[in-house]
Amino acid sequence: MRRMKRKQVYIQADQDQRLRALARRNGTTESHLLREGINRILAEPLPQALDHQAWVKSREFVDSLIRRGPVKGGRSWTREEAHER
């Protein structure tokens, strides 16, 4: 078995009851279930951080379109026609 590192965590009372019952039903320890849960979380890909600069550039682009005003010549379709398609 790999060397273990001790961690102390606080869980809610209902979590404690459910964890204890699950360990008993599965014939394992609460610690084992906690390690399994940690492994599941760590196996998921990390969420990528939002690129704030990309949002700023997108907003600037939209603002530039708004500043241009309405498109000259209008449109050749109605909203109802667009929804029919």
C-alpha atoms as a PDB file:
ATOM      1  CA  MET A   1       0.000   0.000   0.000  1.00  0.00           C
ATOM      2  CA  ARG A   2       1.208   3.502  -0.795  1.00  0.00           C
ATOM      3  CA  ARG A   3       2.231   5.790   1.995  1.00  0.00           C
ATOM      4  CA  MET A   4      -0.736   7.747   3.309  1.00  0.00           C
ATOM      5  CA  LYS A   5      -0.870  11.404   4.262  1.00  0.00           C
ATOM      6  CA  ARG A   6      -3.226  12.333   7.089  1.00  0.00           C
ATOM      7  CA  LYS A   7      -5.856  14.997   6.348  1.00  0.00           C
ATOM      8  CA  GLN A   8      -8.545  16.284   8.644  1.00  0.00           C
ATOM      9  CA  VAL A   9     -11.822  17.407   7.091  1.00  0.00           C
ATOM     10  CA  TYR A  10     -15.109  18.696   8.399  1.00  0.00           C
ATOM     11  CA  ILE A  11     -18.327  17.294   6.961  1.00  0.00           C
ATOM     12  CA  GLN A  12     -21.954  17.943   7.753  1.00  0.00           C
ATOM     13  CA  ALA A  13     -23.785  15.657  10.167  1.00  0.00           C
ATOM     14  CA  ASP A  14     -26.026  14.196   7.452  1.00  0.00           C
ATOM     15  CA  GLN A  15     -22.962  13.518   5.275  1.00  0.00           C
ATOM     16  CA  ASP A  16     -21.373  11.698   8.201  1.00  0.00           C
ATOM     17  CA  GLN A  17     -24.442   9.490   8.677  1.00  0.00           C
ATOM     18  CA  ARG A  18     -24.717   8.678   4.979  1.00  0.00           C
ATOM     19  CA  LEU A  19     -20.981   8.005   4.642  1.00  0.00           C
ATOM     20  CA  ARG A  20     -21.001   5.681   7.659  1.00  0.00           C
ATOM     21  CA  ALA A  21     -24.039   3.779   6.322  1.00  0.00           C
ATOM     22  CA  LEU A  22     -22.529   3.445   2.843  1.00  0.00           C
ATOM     23  CA  ALA A  23     -19.243   2.145   4.244  1.00  0.00           C
ATOM     24  CA  ARG A  24     -21.112  -0.405   6.341  1.00  0.00           C
ATOM     25  CA  ARG A  25     -23.230  -1.564   3.367  1.00  0.00           C
ATOM     26  CA  ASN A  26     -20.151  -1.912   1.129  1.00  0.00           C
ATOM     27  CA  GLY A  27     -18.022  -3.559   3.790  1.00  0.00           C
ATOM     28  CA  THR A  28     -15.325  -0.902   3.512  1.00  0.00           C
ATOM     29  CA  THR A  29     -14.044   2.053   5.478  1.00  0.00           C
ATOM     30  CA  GLU A  30     -15.165   5.660   5.389  1.00  0.00           C
ATOM     31  CA  SER A  31     -11.590   6.622   4.536  1.00  0.00           C
ATOM     32  CA  HIS A  32     -11.636   4.336   1.515  1.00  0.00           C
ATOM     33  CA  LEU A  33     -14.844   5.953   0.260  1.00  0.00           C
ATOM     34  CA  LEU A  34     -13.375   9.423   0.755  1.00  0.00           C
ATOM     35  CA  ARG A  35     -10.246   8.444  -1.203  1.00  0.00           C
ATOM     36  CA  GLU A  36     -12.440   7.052  -3.992  1.00  0.00           C
ATOM     37  CA  GLY A  37     -14.377  10.318  -4.105  1.00  0.00           C
ATOM     38  CA  ILE A  38     -11.154  12.316  -4.291  1.00  0.00           C
ATOM     39  CA  ASN A  39      -9.909  10.082  -7.121  1.00  0.00           C
ATOM     40  CA  ARG A  40     -13.126  10.676  -9.078  1.00  0.00           C
ATOM     41  CA  ILE A  41     -12.808  14.434  -8.710  1.00  0.00           C
ATOM     42  CA  LEU A  42      -9.130  14.407  -9.684  1.00  0.00           C
ATOM     43  CA  ALA A  43      -9.853  12.245 -12.763  1.00  0.00           C
ATOM     44  CA  GLU A  44     -12.108  14.954 -14.235  1.00  0.00           C
ATOM     45  CA  PRO A  45     -10.482  17.520 -16.496  1.00  0.00           C
ATOM     46  CA  LEU A  46      -9.826  20.830 -14.818  1.00  0.00           C
ATOM     47  CA  PRO A  47     -12.166  23.601 -15.900  1.00  0.00           C
ATOM     48  CA  GLN A  48     -10.361  26.103 -18.061  1.00  0.00           C
ATOM     49  CA  ALA A  49     -10.051  29.613 -16.725  1.00  0.00           C
ATOM     50  CA  LEU A  50     -12.040  32.203 -18.614  1.00  0.00           C
ATOM     51  CA  ASP A  51     -10.003  34.378 -20.933  1.00  0.00           C
ATOM     52  CA  HIS A  52     -11.022  37.851 -19.789  1.00  0.00           C
ATOM     53  CA  GLN A  53      -9.231  39.463 -22.752  1.00  0.00           C
ATOM     54  CA  ALA A  54     -11.357  37.442 -25.181  1.00  0.00           C
ATOM     55  CA  TRP A  55     -14.507  38.809 -23.530  1.00  0.00           C
ATOM     56  CA  VAL A  56     -13.143  42.352 -23.727  1.00  0.00           C
ATOM     57  CA  LYS A  57     -12.335  41.940 -27.452  1.00  0.00           C
ATOM     58  CA  SER A  58     -15.783  40.479 -28.164  1.00  0.00           C
ATOM     59  CA  ARG A  59     -17.476  43.346 -26.357  1.00  0.00           C
ATOM     60  CA  GLU A  60     -15.382  45.896 -28.254  1.00  0.00           C
ATOM     61  CA  PHE A  61     -16.367  44.232 -31.549  1.00  0.00           C
ATOM     62  CA  VAL A  62     -20.078  44.305 -30.691  1.00  0.00           C
ATOM     63  CA  ASP A  63     -19.808  47.928 -29.574  1.00  0.00           C
ATOM     64  CA  SER A  64     -18.151  48.821 -32.894  1.00  0.00           C
ATOM     65  CA  LEU A  65     -21.073  47.257 -34.778  1.00  0.00           C
ATOM     66  CA  ILE A  66     -23.569  49.168 -32.643  1.00  0.00           C
ATOM     67  CA  ARG A  67     -21.746  52.451 -33.327  1.00  0.00           C
ATOM     68  CA  ARG A  68     -22.130  51.870 -37.087  1.00  0.00           C
ATOM     69  CA  GLY A  69     -25.877  52.027 -36.719  1.00  0.00           C
ATOM     70  CA  PRO A  70     -28.466  50.208 -38.813  1.00  0.00           C
ATOM     71  CA  VAL A  71     -27.383  48.466 -42.001  1.00  0.00           C
ATOM     72  CA  LYS A  72     -28.064  50.595 -45.054  1.00  0.00           C
ATOM     73  CA  GLY A  73     -30.723  49.244 -47.382  1.00  0.00           C
ATOM     74  CA  GLY A  74     -32.524  47.347 -44.639  1.00  0.00           C
ATOM     75  CA  ARG A  75     -33.230  43.674 -44.810  1.00  0.00           C
ATOM     76  CA  SER A  76     -35.078  41.665 -47.423  1.00  0.00           C
ATOM     77  CA  TRP A  77     -36.855  39.354 -44.976  1.00  0.00           C
ATOM     78  CA  THR A  78     -39.241  39.615 -42.060  1.00  0.00           C
ATOM     79  CA  ARG A  79     -38.861  38.133 -38.642  1.00  0.00           C
ATOM     80  CA  GLU A  80     -41.794  35.800 -39.323  1.00  0.00           C
ATOM     81  CA  GLU A  81     -40.091  34.480 -42.462  1.00  0.00           C
ATOM     82  CA  ALA A  82     -36.927  33.799 -40.507  1.00  0.00           C
ATOM     83  CA  HIS A  83     -38.873  31.735 -37.973  1.00  0.00           C
ATOM     84  CA  GLU A  84     -40.664  29.779 -40.702  1.00  0.00           C
ATOM     85  CA  ARG A  85     -37.374  28.440 -42.052  1.00  0.00           C
END
